Amino acid sequence: MFALSQHAVAFAQSQLHQQDRKWPRLPDYFAIGRTTALALHTVSGQKILYPQDREISEVLLQLPELQNIAGKRALILRGNGGRELIGDTLTARGAEVTFCECYQRCAIHYDGAEEAMRWQSREVTTVVVTSGEMLQQLWSLIPQWYREHWLLRCRLLVVSERLAKLARELGWQDIRSPITLTTMRFYGHYNNSHNRKP
């Protein structure tokens, strides 16, 4: 069983609870990253395998436990849409894959100019992006003038080389990838300690 987000875990848990059912004990459990693994472990009580370094599909698929899976069944808990890499790769390795779309992601509509002014006034200079969909929405949200004079000048932290390539195509120059948990902690600490007013 694969959990691709904390939201998928929360919505699946809600459905199980409503039906007075528990998480099964037999399958192996996998999560896209540490936080999702913790959420899944908390509700299921099971051991969860997840990539220790980068929390992306490509690294999850490198786990030794996922190399010889021909004839096994895989259930993927996720939101609607998104990448098909995990399902496609597991299928290519001989697994029978079923998707369970636990929730529907919907874009929130913002006033792009207002958001850009608010973020600028808060001196936002670094943006973290974890999906291609998120990156495209951010780029589309911000009007062209703010995009050229502020957004594309921000440092962009992304989780994969695939996102870094997309960001370069959209016009970003200062891109940090692949981002690790350590890098995020450094930037969080750095920004918090250097943005304090005396």
Foldseek 3Di string as FASTA:
>chain_A
DEEEDLVLLVLVLVVCVVVVHADDAPDAAEYLDDVSQVSNCVRHVHHYDYQPKFSHPVRSCPPPVQQQQAPAEEEYREAPDDDCVNVVVSVVNHYHYDYDHRYYDDDDDDQQCVVLVVCVVVVQQEEEDEGPVRVVCNLVSHDPVSCVVGVLRGAYAYQAVVVVVVNVVSRHDRYDPNDTPVNVVVVVVVCVVVVDDD
